[in-house]
Each structure stands twice: as structure tokens, then as C-alpha cells.
Amino acid sequence: SATAYGTHVARALELARLKGCQTLGVIGALASPVNRVSDHVIYAPTDVAGPLPSIVALVAALAGMVQIANKESATNVEQHLIEFNQAYQFLTQPDRQELEDGEDDG
């Protein structure tokens, strides 16, 4: 979608690509920002709004990461923490377009 949610998903896909991952976007509109950053796309048009962002999925993913980290050495856990913080910073920094739009306002 062209919503903020789609923009956040596109940002996550961009991070995955920077890490060397192939990406697959499932989109309902060709104008979706996910379409522009995905290596492969499944186009599934719909007239109904898609799933809304949910904290449940995020909490489940973080809980799984904690379980995995608990089984690893302190060095590995520290490396995961560094990578998590880098990913978090990347995903939460303002988009260049948002910065440019903000400059027009002020």
C-alpha cells in the first residue's frame, strides 16, 4: 500500500537488501513503496484494506530472538545486540523525503 505502513515495510526490506538478503514483496497496489524495493513481487490486488500493524508480531519476534540469544555465548549475544541496535537505528531514522518535507515546513 502507499500508506505509512507500506513505507515502514519498504524500509525493513531495504535493510534486508543491505544485509544481502533477497526480498519478496506481496502488494495490493502497484504504487506501493514495497514494489519499488523488492527483488521479487507478488501482486495481489484487493478492494479491502490489508492487515494493520500489530505489536503482537513484533513482541513475538523479539521473544524468539531472546530465546535464541539465551542459548548462545556472551560474545554472540553482544554481536546480536549491536546488529539489533544498528537495524533499529536504520528503521527508525527519518526517511530522506520526510526530512525534505520537514525543511519546507520550517
N, C-alpha and C. Protein backbone atom coordinates (compact mmCIF):
# COMPACT_ATOMS: atom_id res chain seq x y z
N SER A 1 0.84 -1.19 0.00
CA SER A 1 0.00 0.00 0.00
C SER A 1 0.87 1.24 0.00
N ALA A 2 0.26 2.36 -0.24
CA ALA A 2 1.00 3.62 -0.23
C ALA A 2 0.87 4.29 1.13
N THR A 3 0.46 3.58 2.14
CA THR A 3 0.29 4.13 3.48
C THR A 3 1.62 4.17 4.21
N ALA A 4 1.61 4.76 5.39
CA ALA A 4 2.82 4.78 6.22
C ALA A 4 3.27 3.36 6.53
N TYR A 5 2.30 2.46 6.71
CA TYR A 5 2.64 1.06 6.98
C TYR A 5 3.46 0.48 5.83
N GLY A 6 3.06 0.73 4.60
CA GLY A 6 3.81 0.26 3.44
C GLY A 6 5.20 0.86 3.40
N THR A 7 5.32 2.10 3.81
CA THR A 7 6.62 2.76 3.85
C THR A 7 7.53 2.10 4.88
N HIS A 8 6.97 1.71 6.03
CA HIS A 8 7.76 1.03 7.06
C HIS A 8 8.21 -0.34 6.59
N VAL A 9 7.34 -1.05 5.91
CA VAL A 9 7.70 -2.37 5.36
C VAL A 9 8.80 -2.20 4.32
N ALA A 10 8.67 -1.19 3.47
CA ALA A 10 9.70 -0.94 2.46
C ALA A 10 11.04 -0.64 3.12
N ARG A 11 11.02 0.09 4.21
CA ARG A 11 12.26 0.41 4.94
C ARG A 11 12.90 -0.87 5.47
N ALA A 12 12.09 -1.78 6.01
CA ALA A 12 12.62 -3.05 6.51
C ALA A 12 13.20 -3.89 5.36
N LEU A 13 12.53 -3.88 4.22
CA LEU A 13 13.05 -4.60 3.05
C LEU A 13 14.37 -4.00 2.57
N GLU A 14 14.47 -2.69 2.64
CA GLU A 14 15.71 -2.02 2.25
C GLU A 14 16.86 -2.47 3.16
N LEU A 15 16.60 -2.58 4.45
CA LEU A 15 17.62 -3.07 5.39
C LEU A 15 18.02 -4.50 5.05
N ALA A 16 17.04 -5.34 4.77
CA ALA A 16 17.33 -6.73 4.41
C ALA A 16 18.22 -6.80 3.17
N ARG A 17 17.92 -5.97 2.19
CA ARG A 17 18.74 -5.95 0.97
C ARG A 17 20.16 -5.47 1.26
N LEU A 18 20.30 -4.48 2.14
CA LEU A 18 21.64 -4.01 2.52
C LEU A 18 22.44 -5.12 3.21
N LYS A 19 21.73 -6.04 3.87
CA LYS A 19 22.38 -7.17 4.55
C LYS A 19 22.61 -8.33 3.59
N GLY A 20 22.25 -8.17 2.30
CA GLY A 20 22.50 -9.20 1.30
C GLY A 20 21.38 -10.20 1.11
N CYS A 21 20.22 -9.92 1.66
CA CYS A 21 19.08 -10.84 1.52
C CYS A 21 18.29 -10.54 0.25
N GLN A 22 17.72 -11.58 -0.34
CA GLN A 22 16.75 -11.41 -1.42
C GLN A 22 15.42 -11.07 -0.75
N THR A 23 14.62 -10.22 -1.37
CA THR A 23 13.36 -9.81 -0.77
C THR A 23 12.18 -10.16 -1.67
N LEU A 24 11.06 -10.41 -1.02
CA LEU A 24 9.80 -10.71 -1.70
C LEU A 24 8.74 -9.80 -1.12
N GLY A 25 8.12 -9.00 -1.97
CA GLY A 25 7.04 -8.13 -1.54
C GLY A 25 5.71 -8.64 -2.04
N VAL A 26 4.74 -8.68 -1.16
CA VAL A 26 3.37 -9.03 -1.55
C VAL A 26 2.59 -7.72 -1.47
N ILE A 27 2.12 -7.25 -2.62
CA ILE A 27 1.50 -5.93 -2.69
C ILE A 27 0.07 -6.01 -3.22
N GLY A 28 -0.73 -5.04 -2.82
CA GLY A 28 -2.09 -4.94 -3.30
C GLY A 28 -2.28 -3.80 -4.28
N ALA A 29 -1.25 -2.95 -4.40
CA ALA A 29 -1.30 -1.81 -5.32
C ALA A 29 0.08 -1.62 -5.93
N LEU A 30 0.11 -1.37 -7.23
CA LEU A 30 1.40 -1.19 -7.91
C LEU A 30 2.14 0.05 -7.42
N ALA A 31 1.43 1.01 -6.85
CA ALA A 31 2.06 2.22 -6.33
C ALA A 31 2.73 2.01 -4.97
N SER A 32 2.63 0.81 -4.43
CA SER A 32 3.19 0.52 -3.12
C SER A 32 4.70 0.76 -3.08
N PRO A 33 5.19 1.38 -2.01
CA PRO A 33 6.64 1.54 -1.88
C PRO A 33 7.35 0.19 -1.78
N VAL A 34 6.66 -0.83 -1.34
CA VAL A 34 7.23 -2.18 -1.26
C VAL A 34 7.58 -2.67 -2.66
N ASN A 35 6.78 -2.30 -3.64
CA ASN A 35 7.02 -2.70 -5.03
C ASN A 35 8.38 -2.19 -5.53
N ARG A 36 8.75 -1.00 -5.10
CA ARG A 36 9.98 -0.37 -5.59
C ARG A 36 11.24 -0.95 -4.96
N VAL A 37 11.17 -1.57 -3.80
CA VAL A 37 12.38 -2.05 -3.12
C VAL A 37 12.49 -3.57 -3.07
N SER A 38 11.51 -4.29 -3.58
CA SER A 38 11.53 -5.75 -3.53
C SER A 38 12.25 -6.33 -4.74
N ASP A 39 13.01 -7.40 -4.51
CA ASP A 39 13.64 -8.10 -5.62
C ASP A 39 12.60 -8.86 -6.43
N HIS A 40 11.62 -9.41 -5.75
CA HIS A 40 10.54 -10.17 -6.38
C HIS A 40 9.23 -9.66 -5.79
N VAL A 41 8.18 -9.65 -6.61
CA VAL A 41 6.89 -9.11 -6.16
C VAL A 41 5.77 -10.06 -6.53
N ILE A 42 4.86 -10.26 -5.59
CA ILE A 42 3.60 -10.95 -5.86
C ILE A 42 2.53 -9.87 -5.80
N TYR A 43 1.85 -9.68 -6.91
CA TYR A 43 0.80 -8.66 -7.00
C TYR A 43 -0.53 -9.33 -6.72
N ALA A 44 -1.18 -8.92 -5.64
CA ALA A 44 -2.46 -9.48 -5.22
C ALA A 44 -3.43 -8.33 -4.96
N PRO A 45 -4.02 -7.76 -6.02
CA PRO A 45 -4.90 -6.61 -5.82
C PRO A 45 -6.12 -6.97 -4.98
N THR A 46 -6.57 -6.00 -4.20
CA THR A 46 -7.73 -6.20 -3.35
C THR A 46 -8.46 -4.88 -3.16
N ASP A 47 -9.74 -4.97 -2.88
CA ASP A 47 -10.54 -3.78 -2.60
C ASP A 47 -10.64 -3.53 -1.10
N VAL A 48 -10.13 -4.47 -0.30
CA VAL A 48 -10.24 -4.39 1.15
C VAL A 48 -8.89 -3.99 1.73
N ALA A 49 -8.91 -3.15 2.76
CA ALA A 49 -7.67 -2.76 3.42
C ALA A 49 -6.98 -3.99 3.99
N GLY A 50 -5.66 -4.01 3.89
CA GLY A 50 -4.88 -5.14 4.38
C GLY A 50 -4.72 -5.13 5.88
N PRO A 51 -3.89 -6.03 6.37
CA PRO A 51 -3.69 -6.11 7.82
C PRO A 51 -3.07 -4.83 8.35
N LEU A 52 -3.48 -4.46 9.52
CA LEU A 52 -2.94 -3.27 10.16
C LEU A 52 -1.72 -3.65 10.98
N PRO A 53 -0.83 -2.70 11.23
CA PRO A 53 0.35 -3.00 12.03
C PRO A 53 -0.06 -3.53 13.40
N SER A 54 0.67 -4.49 13.89
CA SER A 54 0.34 -5.10 15.16
C SER A 54 1.59 -5.23 16.02
N ILE A 55 1.47 -4.88 17.27
CA ILE A 55 2.58 -5.02 18.21
C ILE A 55 2.79 -6.49 18.56
N VAL A 56 1.77 -7.33 18.36
CA VAL A 56 1.88 -8.75 18.70
C VAL A 56 3.00 -9.42 17.91
N ALA A 57 3.07 -9.16 16.62
CA ALA A 57 4.10 -9.78 15.80
C ALA A 57 5.49 -9.33 16.23
N LEU A 58 5.63 -8.06 16.54
CA LEU A 58 6.92 -7.54 16.98
C LEU A 58 7.35 -8.18 18.29
N VAL A 59 6.44 -8.26 19.24
CA VAL A 59 6.76 -8.87 20.53
C VAL A 59 7.12 -10.34 20.36
N ALA A 60 6.40 -11.05 19.51
CA ALA A 60 6.69 -12.46 19.27
C ALA A 60 8.08 -12.63 18.65
N ALA A 61 8.42 -11.77 17.70
CA ALA A 61 9.74 -11.84 17.06
C ALA A 61 10.84 -11.55 18.07
N LEU A 62 10.64 -10.54 18.89
CA LEU A 62 11.65 -10.21 19.91
C LEU A 62 11.78 -11.33 20.94
N ALA A 63 10.67 -11.93 21.33
CA ALA A 63 10.72 -13.05 22.28
C ALA A 63 11.51 -14.21 21.69
N GLY A 64 11.30 -14.49 20.41
CA GLY A 64 12.05 -15.55 19.75
C GLY A 64 13.54 -15.25 19.70
N MET A 65 13.88 -13.99 19.44
CA MET A 65 15.29 -13.60 19.41
C MET A 65 15.93 -13.76 20.79
N VAL A 66 15.19 -13.43 21.83
CA VAL A 66 15.71 -13.60 23.19
C VAL A 66 15.95 -15.07 23.48
N GLN A 67 15.04 -15.94 23.06
CA GLN A 67 15.21 -17.39 23.26
C GLN A 67 16.47 -17.88 22.57
N ILE A 68 16.68 -17.44 21.34
CA ILE A 68 17.87 -17.85 20.59
C ILE A 68 19.13 -17.31 21.26
N ALA A 69 19.10 -16.03 21.61
CA ALA A 69 20.27 -15.40 22.22
C ALA A 69 20.64 -16.07 23.54
N ASN A 70 19.64 -16.55 24.26
CA ASN A 70 19.86 -17.19 25.55
C ASN A 70 20.70 -18.45 25.40
N LYS A 71 20.69 -19.08 24.24
CA LYS A 71 21.42 -20.32 24.01
C LYS A 71 22.83 -20.08 23.45
N GLU A 72 23.18 -18.84 23.20
CA GLU A 72 24.46 -18.54 22.59
C GLU A 72 25.44 -17.97 23.61
N SER A 73 26.68 -17.86 23.19
CA SER A 73 27.72 -17.31 24.05
C SER A 73 27.51 -15.81 24.25
N ALA A 74 28.15 -15.28 25.26
CA ALA A 74 28.04 -13.85 25.55
C ALA A 74 28.54 -13.02 24.37
N THR A 75 29.58 -13.49 23.69
CA THR A 75 30.11 -12.78 22.53
C THR A 75 29.08 -12.71 21.41
N ASN A 76 28.43 -13.83 21.13
CA ASN A 76 27.40 -13.85 20.09
C ASN A 76 26.22 -12.97 20.47
N VAL A 77 25.82 -13.01 21.74
CA VAL A 77 24.71 -12.19 22.19
C VAL A 77 25.06 -10.71 22.01
N GLU A 78 26.29 -10.34 22.36
CA GLU A 78 26.73 -8.95 22.19
C GLU A 78 26.68 -8.53 20.72
N GLN A 79 27.11 -9.42 19.83
CA GLN A 79 27.08 -9.12 18.40
C GLN A 79 25.64 -8.95 17.91
N HIS A 80 24.74 -9.81 18.38
CA HIS A 80 23.32 -9.68 18.01
C HIS A 80 22.76 -8.35 18.51
N LEU A 81 23.15 -7.95 19.71
CA LEU A 81 22.68 -6.69 20.26
C LEU A 81 23.16 -5.51 19.42
N ILE A 82 24.41 -5.55 19.01
CA ILE A 82 24.95 -4.48 18.15
C ILE A 82 24.17 -4.43 16.84
N GLU A 83 23.95 -5.59 16.21
CA GLU A 83 23.22 -5.64 14.94
C GLU A 83 21.78 -5.19 15.11
N PHE A 84 21.16 -5.57 16.23
CA PHE A 84 19.78 -5.15 16.50
C PHE A 84 19.72 -3.63 16.62
N ASN A 85 20.66 -3.05 17.37
CA ASN A 85 20.67 -1.59 17.54
C ASN A 85 20.91 -0.88 16.21
N GLN A 86 21.79 -1.43 15.36
CA GLN A 86 22.01 -0.83 14.05
C GLN A 86 20.74 -0.90 13.20
N ALA A 87 20.07 -2.05 13.23
CA ALA A 87 18.82 -2.20 12.48
C ALA A 87 17.76 -1.25 13.00
N TYR A 88 17.66 -1.14 14.32
CA TYR A 88 16.67 -0.24 14.92
C TYR A 88 16.92 1.20 14.50
N GLN A 89 18.18 1.63 14.54
CA GLN A 89 18.52 3.00 14.14
C GLN A 89 18.16 3.24 12.67
N PHE A 90 18.48 2.26 11.83
CA PHE A 90 18.17 2.39 10.40
C PHE A 90 16.67 2.49 10.18
N LEU A 91 15.92 1.63 10.85
CA LEU A 91 14.47 1.56 10.62
C LEU A 91 13.72 2.74 11.22
N THR A 92 14.28 3.39 12.22
CA THR A 92 13.56 4.48 12.87
C THR A 92 14.06 5.86 12.47
N GLN A 93 15.12 5.93 11.68
CA GLN A 93 15.58 7.25 11.23
C GLN A 93 14.59 7.79 10.20
N PRO A 94 14.44 9.10 10.18
CA PRO A 94 13.51 9.69 9.20
C PRO A 94 13.96 9.39 7.78
N ASP A 95 13.01 9.17 6.94
CA ASP A 95 13.23 8.98 5.51
C ASP A 95 13.75 10.29 4.92
N ARG A 96 14.57 10.22 3.89
CA ARG A 96 15.09 11.44 3.25
C ARG A 96 13.94 12.35 2.80
N GLN A 97 12.89 11.75 2.25
CA GLN A 97 11.75 12.54 1.78
C GLN A 97 11.08 13.24 2.96
N GLU A 98 10.97 12.54 4.11
CA GLU A 98 10.38 13.16 5.29
C GLU A 98 11.22 14.35 5.73
N LEU A 99 12.55 14.21 5.67
CA LEU A 99 13.43 15.31 6.04
C LEU A 99 13.24 16.50 5.10
N GLU A 100 13.17 16.22 3.80
CA GLU A 100 12.98 17.29 2.83
C GLU A 100 11.63 17.98 3.02
N ASP A 101 10.59 17.18 3.30
CA ASP A 101 9.26 17.75 3.53
C ASP A 101 9.28 18.64 4.78
N GLY A 102 9.99 18.21 5.81
CA GLY A 102 10.09 18.97 7.05
C GLY A 102 10.81 20.29 6.86
N GLU A 103 11.80 20.32 5.94
CA GLU A 103 12.52 21.56 5.66
C GLU A 103 11.61 22.58 5.01
N ASP A 104 10.66 22.11 4.20
CA ASP A 104 9.72 23.02 3.54
C ASP A 104 8.80 23.68 4.55
N ASP A 105 8.49 22.96 5.65
CA ASP A 105 7.58 23.47 6.66
C ASP A 105 8.22 24.56 7.51
N GLY A 106 9.54 24.47 7.70
CA GLY A 106 10.19 25.37 8.65
C GLY A 106 10.93 26.40 7.98
